[in-house]
Protein backbone atom coordinates (compact mmCIF):
# COMPACT_ATOMS: atom_id res chain seq x y z
CA UNK A 1 0.00 0.00 0.00
CA UNK A 2 1.42 3.35 -1.05
CA UNK A 3 1.26 6.00 1.64
CA UNK A 4 2.00 9.63 0.96
CA UNK A 5 2.85 12.09 3.70
CA UNK A 6 2.82 15.81 2.97
CA UNK A 7 4.43 18.49 5.10
CA UNK A 8 5.55 22.07 4.88
CA UNK A 9 2.25 23.92 4.87
CA UNK A 10 1.51 26.82 7.13
CA UNK A 11 0.69 30.51 7.35
CA UNK A 12 2.60 32.86 5.08
CA UNK A 13 2.20 36.49 4.12
CA UNK A 14 1.28 37.44 0.58
CA UNK A 15 4.40 37.58 -1.55
CA UNK A 16 6.13 34.94 0.55
CA UNK A 17 7.23 31.40 -0.25
CA UNK A 18 6.74 27.88 1.02
CA UNK A 19 8.22 24.52 0.16
CA UNK A 20 5.91 21.54 0.46
CA UNK A 21 7.21 18.00 0.71
CA UNK A 22 5.65 14.65 -0.14
CA UNK A 23 7.38 11.56 1.15
CA UNK A 24 6.67 7.95 0.34
CA UNK A 25 6.03 5.69 3.26
CA UNK A 26 6.95 2.05 2.79
CA UNK A 27 7.27 2.38 -0.97
CA UNK A 28 9.56 3.85 -3.60
CA UNK A 29 8.33 6.43 -6.10
CA UNK A 30 10.40 4.83 -8.85
CA UNK A 31 8.36 4.70 -12.09
CA UNK A 32 5.43 6.50 -10.48
CA UNK A 33 3.70 9.55 -11.81
CA UNK A 34 3.59 12.12 -9.04
CA UNK A 35 1.36 15.17 -8.83
CA UNK A 36 0.33 18.09 -6.68
CA UNK A 37 -3.25 19.30 -6.49
CA UNK A 38 -4.89 21.91 -4.33
CA UNK A 39 -8.40 22.55 -3.10
CA UNK A 40 -9.64 25.90 -1.87
CA UNK A 41 -12.78 26.18 0.27
CA UNK A 42 -15.90 25.69 -1.83
CA UNK A 43 -13.92 24.87 -4.98
CA UNK A 44 -13.03 21.73 -6.88
CA UNK A 45 -9.62 20.12 -6.55
CA UNK A 46 -7.24 21.89 -8.94
CA UNK A 47 -4.19 20.51 -10.75
CA UNK A 48 -0.91 22.22 -9.90
CA UNK A 49 1.90 20.07 -11.35
CA UNK A 50 2.93 16.53 -12.20
CA UNK A 51 5.66 14.46 -13.75
CA UNK A 52 6.65 10.91 -14.39
CA UNK A 53 9.46 9.95 -12.00
CA UNK A 54 12.08 9.58 -14.74
CA UNK A 55 11.29 12.88 -16.45
CA UNK A 56 13.45 15.94 -15.97
CA UNK A 57 10.67 18.50 -16.21
CA UNK A 58 7.24 18.75 -14.67
CA UNK A 59 4.00 19.69 -16.37
CA UNK A 60 2.04 22.50 -14.80
CA UNK A 61 -1.55 23.58 -14.61
CA UNK A 62 -2.79 26.78 -16.18
CA UNK A 63 -1.10 29.81 -14.59
CA UNK A 64 0.96 27.59 -12.26
CA UNK A 65 4.31 27.54 -14.02
CA UNK A 66 6.49 30.44 -13.04
CA UNK A 67 5.42 30.64 -9.42
CA UNK A 68 5.31 26.92 -8.65
CA UNK A 69 8.12 24.46 -9.23
CA UNK A 70 7.93 20.72 -8.71
CA UNK A 71 11.11 18.70 -8.21
CA UNK A 72 12.30 15.53 -6.53
CA UNK A 73 15.01 14.00 -4.40
CA UNK A 74 15.38 10.44 -5.64
CA UNK A 75 17.59 9.40 -2.76
CA UNK A 76 14.88 10.39 -0.28
CA UNK A 77 11.90 9.27 -2.38
CA UNK A 78 10.48 12.74 -1.84
CA UNK A 79 8.88 15.25 -4.17
CA UNK A 80 8.63 18.94 -3.46
CA UNK A 81 6.50 21.84 -4.51
CA UNK A 82 8.20 25.21 -4.24
CA UNK A 83 5.57 27.96 -4.13
CA UNK A 84 6.75 31.54 -4.61
CA UNK A 85 5.12 34.99 -4.67
CA UNK A 86 2.07 33.55 -2.97
CA UNK A 87 -1.24 35.38 -3.18
CA UNK A 88 -4.45 35.15 -1.18
CA UNK A 89 -5.88 32.99 -3.98
CA UNK A 90 -3.25 30.34 -3.27
CA UNK A 91 -4.85 29.57 0.09
CA UNK A 92 -5.88 25.92 -0.09
CA UNK A 93 -5.19 22.42 1.09
CA UNK A 94 -2.38 21.04 -1.03
CA UNK A 95 -2.43 17.33 -1.81
CA UNK A 96 0.22 15.00 -3.12
CA UNK A 97 -1.02 12.26 -5.44
CA UNK A 98 0.57 9.30 -7.15
CA UNK A 99 -0.11 6.54 -9.60
CA UNK A 100 1.89 3.52 -10.72
CA UNK A 101 -0.31 3.14 -13.77
CA UNK A 102 -0.64 4.91 -17.08
CA UNK A 103 -3.08 7.71 -17.74
CA UNK A 104 -6.58 6.22 -17.87
CA UNK A 105 -8.32 6.47 -21.22
CA UNK A 106 -10.29 9.67 -21.46
CA UNK A 107 -8.33 11.49 -18.76
CA UNK A 108 -5.19 13.60 -18.55
CA UNK A 109 -2.42 14.02 -16.01
CA UNK A 110 -4.48 16.86 -14.55
CA UNK A 111 -7.46 14.66 -13.75
CA UNK A 112 -7.91 13.57 -10.14
CA UNK A 113 -9.42 10.31 -11.39
CA UNK A 114 -6.00 9.25 -12.66
CA UNK A 115 -4.43 9.04 -9.19
CA UNK A 116 -5.37 6.22 -6.80
CA UNK A 117 -3.01 7.30 -4.03
CA UNK A 118 -3.42 10.52 -2.07
CA UNK A 119 -1.85 12.11 0.94
CA UNK A 120 -3.82 13.67 3.76
CA UNK A 121 -3.12 17.19 2.55
CA UNK A 122 -1.27 20.14 4.06
CA UNK A 123 -2.93 23.51 4.64
CA UNK A 124 -1.43 26.62 3.09
CA UNK A 125 -2.90 29.90 4.27
CA UNK A 126 -1.78 33.16 2.71
CA UNK A 127 -2.52 36.31 4.68
CA UNK A 128 -2.55 39.93 3.52
Foldseek 3Di string as FASTA:
>chain_A
DWAKAKDWADEAAQQAKIKMKIATDPDALQQKKKFKWWDDPPDDIWGAWIDGPPDPAIDGDPPRPPQWGWDDDRVRSMIMIIGGNHDQVPWTWMKMFIDNDDADPPDDPGDPVRTPYIYPTGTHGYHD
